[in-house]
Structures are given as structure tokens and as C-alpha cells.
Amino acid sequence: MSRKPWDLAFTAEPEEVAALRRIMRLHLGVWGLHDVTDEAQLCVSELVSNVIAHVGLGTPVTLAVSVRGTYLRIEVHDPDTRALPTLLDAGSDSEGGRGMALVDAIADRWGVQLCADRKVTWCELATGLSSTNGHCGGARVMRAEAMLGLYGAAQLPRTATPSTLSLAVAEEAAIDVIADLLHWLRAHGCDPEDALDRAQTHFEAEAMEDPWRCLG
């Protein structure tokens, strides 16, 4: 699975926080990183809220998200190199100072990078993957990935160079595999509809049991 870094420029306003949380959830869903979605959303909220509170409303900000190794990296860029995030030991009755404490508690690591024209406040969350391009879903997804790679490569023209299948191509290959297996079942006297029903039952049971298990 290819997880290309992305970034989004916005203005530091309270109403932007909810939109950023939704965008983060959507992107992590596409990346298959459901296990860290809640933590990532909270980190985005706190990092952006920190800019609003300590740099000011209307500040131009950029959110940048990437996968580095097996960690999800969240960066918030703002132009003020003086207002540095501070980790405070905020009491339960304190009105402020909790933001970075929450990030510190949730993230595996965080820090601040100072550049000539901006500062970058970042945090990283462990994804549970064993490689950058790992997949979520368990052993079945791993086996399917290997099978689709072979199946897709077998259908390439002889002059083409095999490469990692795009999601769209892999989806078509998966459909072809299912159709071919149904033909195989019918050719051997089996009931394709019954096989589909049983496969669907197995899929739903396993999905309910452990829907977002990750494997690199």
C-alpha cells in the first residue's frame, strides 16, 4: 500500500479543528490506519489549538501528515519561531497547559523544529505495522496481496514491466480472481452461490472479531 505524504494549508480558527479531524479520519481510513485514528485526531486538535492559543487567530498554518518507517508523523507548521510549545504539569483544575501534556501522553514522541521562516511542531504515533507499505487486515490480506500481485503480473503484456499494482488495478484483479474461482467451482460440480454465501459468512465473522488488525 502506497501512503504518499500530504499537507493542507489553512487559517488558525477554532472552526477549522473539526474539519481537520474529519480530513485526518478520511485519510487514515484510506491508508488503512484505523487503529491510530482517534489518537491522531486528538493530536491534531491539540497541536492546532496550541497555535490558536499561543500564536493567534488568523495565523497561516500547514498540516503535514506522512508515514516514516512504521510511525505516523503529524506536523503543524506556523510562522512564529518565538512561541514555543511547552509541556506543563497542568493540574486537573487548570484552564490551560493541558494540550501538549495530552500530546506527550498519547504520542510515542514529539518535538519542535525551528526553521528560518517557521517552526514545526510534530508528533509521531506507532502504527503497529512492520514496514512503511504494510497492510492492515491480518494473514488473509497478506496472502491475498501476494496472490493479486502474481495474478496481475500474469495478465500484463509480455512487453510490460511488472510493478506494484495500483489500487484500481488490484481491485479489478481481485474481481477477476473471484470470478475465476467461481468458474472453477462450477466446473468441479460445486455450487458457486453456496461458496459465496459461506465465504461471506466467514468474512463477516472474522471482521467482527478483529476488524482492524494490522500486519506489515
Protein backbone atom coordinates (compact mmCIF):
# COMPACT_ATOMS: atom_id res chain seq x y z
CA MET A 1 0.00 0.00 0.00
CA SER A 2 1.39 3.37 -1.05
CA ARG A 3 0.96 6.09 1.57
CA LYS A 4 2.02 9.36 -0.03
CA PRO A 5 2.66 12.32 2.31
CA TRP A 6 0.10 15.09 2.13
CA ASP A 7 -0.27 18.58 3.51
CA LEU A 8 -3.04 21.12 3.87
CA ALA A 9 -2.77 24.89 4.36
CA PHE A 10 -5.43 26.59 6.48
CA THR A 11 -6.02 29.54 8.80
CA ALA A 12 -5.89 29.06 12.55
CA GLU A 13 -9.54 29.35 13.56
CA PRO A 14 -11.49 27.22 16.09
CA GLU A 15 -13.95 26.05 13.42
CA GLU A 16 -11.12 24.56 11.38
CA VAL A 17 -10.31 21.98 14.06
CA ALA A 18 -13.40 19.81 13.44
CA ALA A 19 -12.78 19.89 9.67
CA LEU A 20 -9.16 18.84 10.17
CA ARG A 21 -10.24 15.95 12.37
CA ARG A 22 -12.62 14.73 9.65
CA ILE A 23 -9.93 15.03 6.98
CA MET A 24 -7.48 13.12 9.16
CA ARG A 25 -10.00 10.32 9.69
CA LEU A 26 -10.69 10.07 5.96
CA HIS A 27 -7.01 9.91 5.02
CA LEU A 28 -6.15 7.37 7.69
CA GLY A 29 -9.09 5.27 6.56
CA VAL A 30 -7.71 5.25 3.01
CA TRP A 31 -4.28 4.34 4.41
CA GLY A 32 -5.78 1.53 6.48
CA LEU A 33 -4.50 3.03 9.75
CA HIS A 34 -7.75 2.82 11.67
CA ASP A 35 -6.06 1.81 14.91
CA VAL A 36 -4.43 5.22 15.38
CA THR A 37 -7.25 7.40 14.06
CA ASP A 38 -8.58 8.54 17.44
CA GLU A 39 -5.11 9.36 18.75
CA ALA A 40 -4.18 11.17 15.54
CA GLN A 41 -7.34 13.27 15.63
CA LEU A 42 -6.68 14.27 19.22
CA CYS A 43 -3.08 15.21 18.44
CA VAL A 44 -4.19 17.37 15.50
CA SER A 45 -6.76 19.09 17.71
CA GLU A 46 -4.22 19.88 20.41
CA LEU A 47 -1.44 21.00 18.09
CA VAL A 48 -3.73 23.33 16.15
CA SER A 49 -5.40 24.61 19.32
CA ASN A 50 -1.94 25.38 20.67
CA VAL A 51 -1.27 27.62 17.66
CA ILE A 52 -4.63 29.36 18.09
CA ALA A 53 -3.99 29.99 21.78
CA HIS A 54 -0.32 30.99 21.70
CA VAL A 55 0.34 32.33 18.21
CA GLY A 56 -3.03 33.84 17.43
CA LEU A 57 -6.23 33.62 15.44
CA GLY A 58 -5.83 34.01 11.72
CA THR A 59 -2.31 32.59 11.67
CA PRO A 60 -1.47 30.79 8.40
CA VAL A 61 -0.81 27.16 9.29
CA THR A 62 0.01 23.99 7.39
CA LEU A 63 -0.82 20.46 8.49
CA ALA A 64 1.53 17.85 7.05
CA VAL A 65 1.00 14.10 7.50
CA SER A 66 3.27 11.26 6.45
CA VAL A 67 4.37 7.76 7.36
CA ARG A 68 8.01 7.49 8.39
CA GLY A 69 9.13 3.95 8.85
CA THR A 70 6.35 2.43 10.93
CA TYR A 71 5.26 5.71 12.54
CA LEU A 72 2.54 8.14 11.56
CA ARG A 73 4.06 11.63 11.65
CA ILE A 74 1.87 14.70 12.17
CA GLU A 75 3.37 18.16 11.68
CA VAL A 76 1.87 21.59 12.25
CA HIS A 77 3.82 24.46 10.63
CA ASP A 78 3.34 28.07 11.75
CA PRO A 79 5.40 31.26 11.15
CA ASP A 80 6.14 32.18 14.80
CA THR A 81 9.55 30.90 15.89
CA ARG A 82 9.29 32.51 19.34
CA ALA A 83 6.11 30.99 20.78
CA LEU A 84 7.39 27.50 21.54
CA PRO A 85 5.12 24.72 22.82
CA THR A 86 5.75 23.99 26.49
CA LEU A 87 4.99 20.82 28.39
CA LEU A 88 3.30 21.89 31.62
CA ASP A 89 2.27 19.82 34.59
CA ALA A 90 -1.26 21.13 34.47
CA GLY A 91 -3.49 20.32 37.43
CA SER A 92 -6.97 18.95 36.99
CA ASP A 93 -8.41 22.40 37.76
CA SER A 94 -6.10 24.27 35.40
CA GLU A 95 -7.75 26.02 32.45
CA GLY A 96 -4.71 25.76 30.20
CA GLY A 97 -1.50 23.89 29.69
CA ARG A 98 -3.09 20.54 29.02
CA GLY A 99 -2.64 20.46 25.25
CA MET A 100 0.99 19.38 25.00
CA ALA A 101 0.57 17.20 28.09
CA LEU A 102 -2.08 15.25 26.17
CA VAL A 103 0.14 15.02 23.11
CA ASP A 104 3.01 13.84 25.32
CA ALA A 105 0.77 11.17 26.86
CA ILE A 106 -0.65 9.93 23.54
CA ALA A 107 2.24 10.21 21.10
CA ASP A 108 5.29 7.97 21.14
CA ARG A 109 7.46 11.05 20.64
CA TRP A 110 7.10 14.73 19.81
CA GLY A 111 9.24 17.79 19.34
CA VAL A 112 9.75 21.21 17.78
CA GLN A 113 11.92 22.01 14.78
CA LEU A 114 12.92 25.64 14.20
CA CYS A 115 13.45 26.82 10.63
CA ALA A 116 14.38 30.23 9.28
CA ASP A 117 10.81 31.23 8.50
CA ARG A 118 8.69 28.91 10.62
CA LYS A 119 8.54 26.33 13.37
CA VAL A 120 7.34 22.79 13.01
CA THR A 121 5.66 21.12 15.95
CA TRP A 122 5.48 17.40 15.31
CA CYS A 123 4.48 14.14 16.93
CA GLU A 124 4.67 10.51 15.89
CA LEU A 125 2.35 7.59 16.61
CA ALA A 126 3.29 3.92 16.27
CA THR A 127 1.10 2.30 13.60
CA GLY A 128 1.70 -1.33 14.54
CA LEU A 129 2.94 -2.05 11.00
CA SER A 130 6.28 -3.72 10.41
CA SER A 131 7.01 -1.77 7.22
CA THR A 132 6.08 1.57 5.67
CA ASN A 133 3.95 -0.06 2.98
CA GLY A 134 2.45 -2.70 5.27
CA HIS A 135 -1.21 -3.61 5.25
CA CYS A 136 -3.96 -3.93 7.81
CA GLY A 137 -6.17 -6.98 7.94
CA GLY A 138 -4.07 -9.91 9.02
CA ALA A 139 -2.69 -13.00 7.34
CA ARG A 140 -5.57 -13.26 4.89
CA VAL A 141 -4.81 -9.80 3.48
CA MET A 142 -1.13 -10.68 3.20
CA ARG A 143 -1.93 -13.86 1.27
CA ALA A 144 -4.38 -12.03 -0.96
CA GLU A 145 -1.81 -9.31 -1.68
CA ALA A 146 0.74 -11.89 -2.80
CA MET A 147 -1.85 -13.69 -4.93
CA LEU A 148 -3.06 -10.49 -6.59
CA GLY A 149 0.49 -9.49 -7.39
CA LEU A 150 1.05 -12.78 -9.20
CA TYR A 151 -2.35 -12.69 -10.86
CA GLY A 152 -1.95 -9.12 -12.06
CA ALA A 153 1.57 -9.74 -13.35
CA ALA A 154 0.36 -12.79 -15.27
CA GLN A 155 -2.14 -10.63 -17.16
CA LEU A 156 0.40 -7.97 -18.16
CA PRO A 157 1.53 -7.86 -21.79
CA ARG A 158 4.88 -9.58 -22.26
CA THR A 159 6.48 -6.24 -23.15
CA ALA A 160 5.27 -4.58 -19.94
CA THR A 161 7.39 -4.29 -16.84
CA PRO A 162 5.73 -5.75 -13.72
CA SER A 163 5.36 -3.26 -10.91
CA THR A 164 3.39 -2.84 -7.73
CA LEU A 165 -0.27 -2.93 -8.61
CA SER A 166 -2.21 0.28 -8.18
CA LEU A 167 -5.32 0.04 -6.03
CA ALA A 168 -7.60 0.31 -9.10
CA VAL A 169 -5.75 -2.43 -10.97
CA ALA A 170 -5.61 -4.62 -7.86
CA GLU A 171 -9.37 -4.24 -7.40
CA GLU A 172 -10.02 -5.41 -10.95
CA ALA A 173 -7.60 -8.29 -10.43
CA ALA A 174 -9.45 -9.27 -7.24
CA ILE A 175 -12.76 -9.33 -9.11
CA ASP A 176 -11.22 -11.47 -11.83
CA VAL A 177 -9.84 -13.87 -9.23
CA ILE A 178 -13.27 -14.25 -7.61
CA ALA A 179 -14.92 -14.82 -10.99
CA ASP A 180 -12.31 -17.39 -12.00
CA LEU A 181 -12.72 -19.25 -8.69
CA LEU A 182 -16.49 -19.39 -9.22
CA HIS A 183 -15.93 -20.87 -12.69
CA TRP A 184 -13.54 -23.40 -11.15
CA LEU A 185 -16.09 -24.40 -8.52
CA ARG A 186 -18.85 -24.88 -11.10
CA ALA A 187 -16.52 -26.86 -13.39
CA HIS A 188 -15.89 -29.25 -10.48
CA GLY A 189 -19.56 -29.73 -9.66
CA CYS A 190 -19.69 -27.32 -6.70
CA ASP A 191 -22.33 -24.68 -6.06
CA PRO A 192 -20.80 -21.18 -6.62
CA GLU A 193 -23.65 -19.43 -4.79
CA ASP A 194 -23.21 -21.64 -1.72
CA ALA A 195 -19.45 -20.98 -1.76
CA LEU A 196 -20.06 -17.21 -1.93
CA ASP A 197 -22.50 -17.39 0.98
CA ARG A 198 -20.04 -19.38 3.09
CA ALA A 199 -17.16 -17.03 2.22
CA GLN A 200 -19.31 -14.02 3.15
CA THR A 201 -20.19 -15.65 6.47
CA HIS A 202 -16.51 -16.29 7.23
CA PHE A 203 -15.58 -12.74 6.26
CA GLU A 204 -18.24 -11.12 8.42
CA ALA A 205 -17.39 -13.29 11.43
CA GLU A 206 -13.68 -12.51 11.21
CA ALA A 207 -14.31 -8.82 10.57
CA MET A 208 -16.47 -8.58 13.68
CA GLU A 209 -13.89 -10.46 15.73
CA ASP A 210 -10.90 -8.24 14.85
CA PRO A 211 -11.76 -5.61 12.22
CA TRP A 212 -8.57 -3.53 12.14
CA ARG A 213 -5.75 -5.94 12.95
CA CYS A 214 -2.53 -4.67 11.34
CA LEU A 215 0.21 -6.63 9.70
CA GLY A 216 3.29 -5.33 7.89
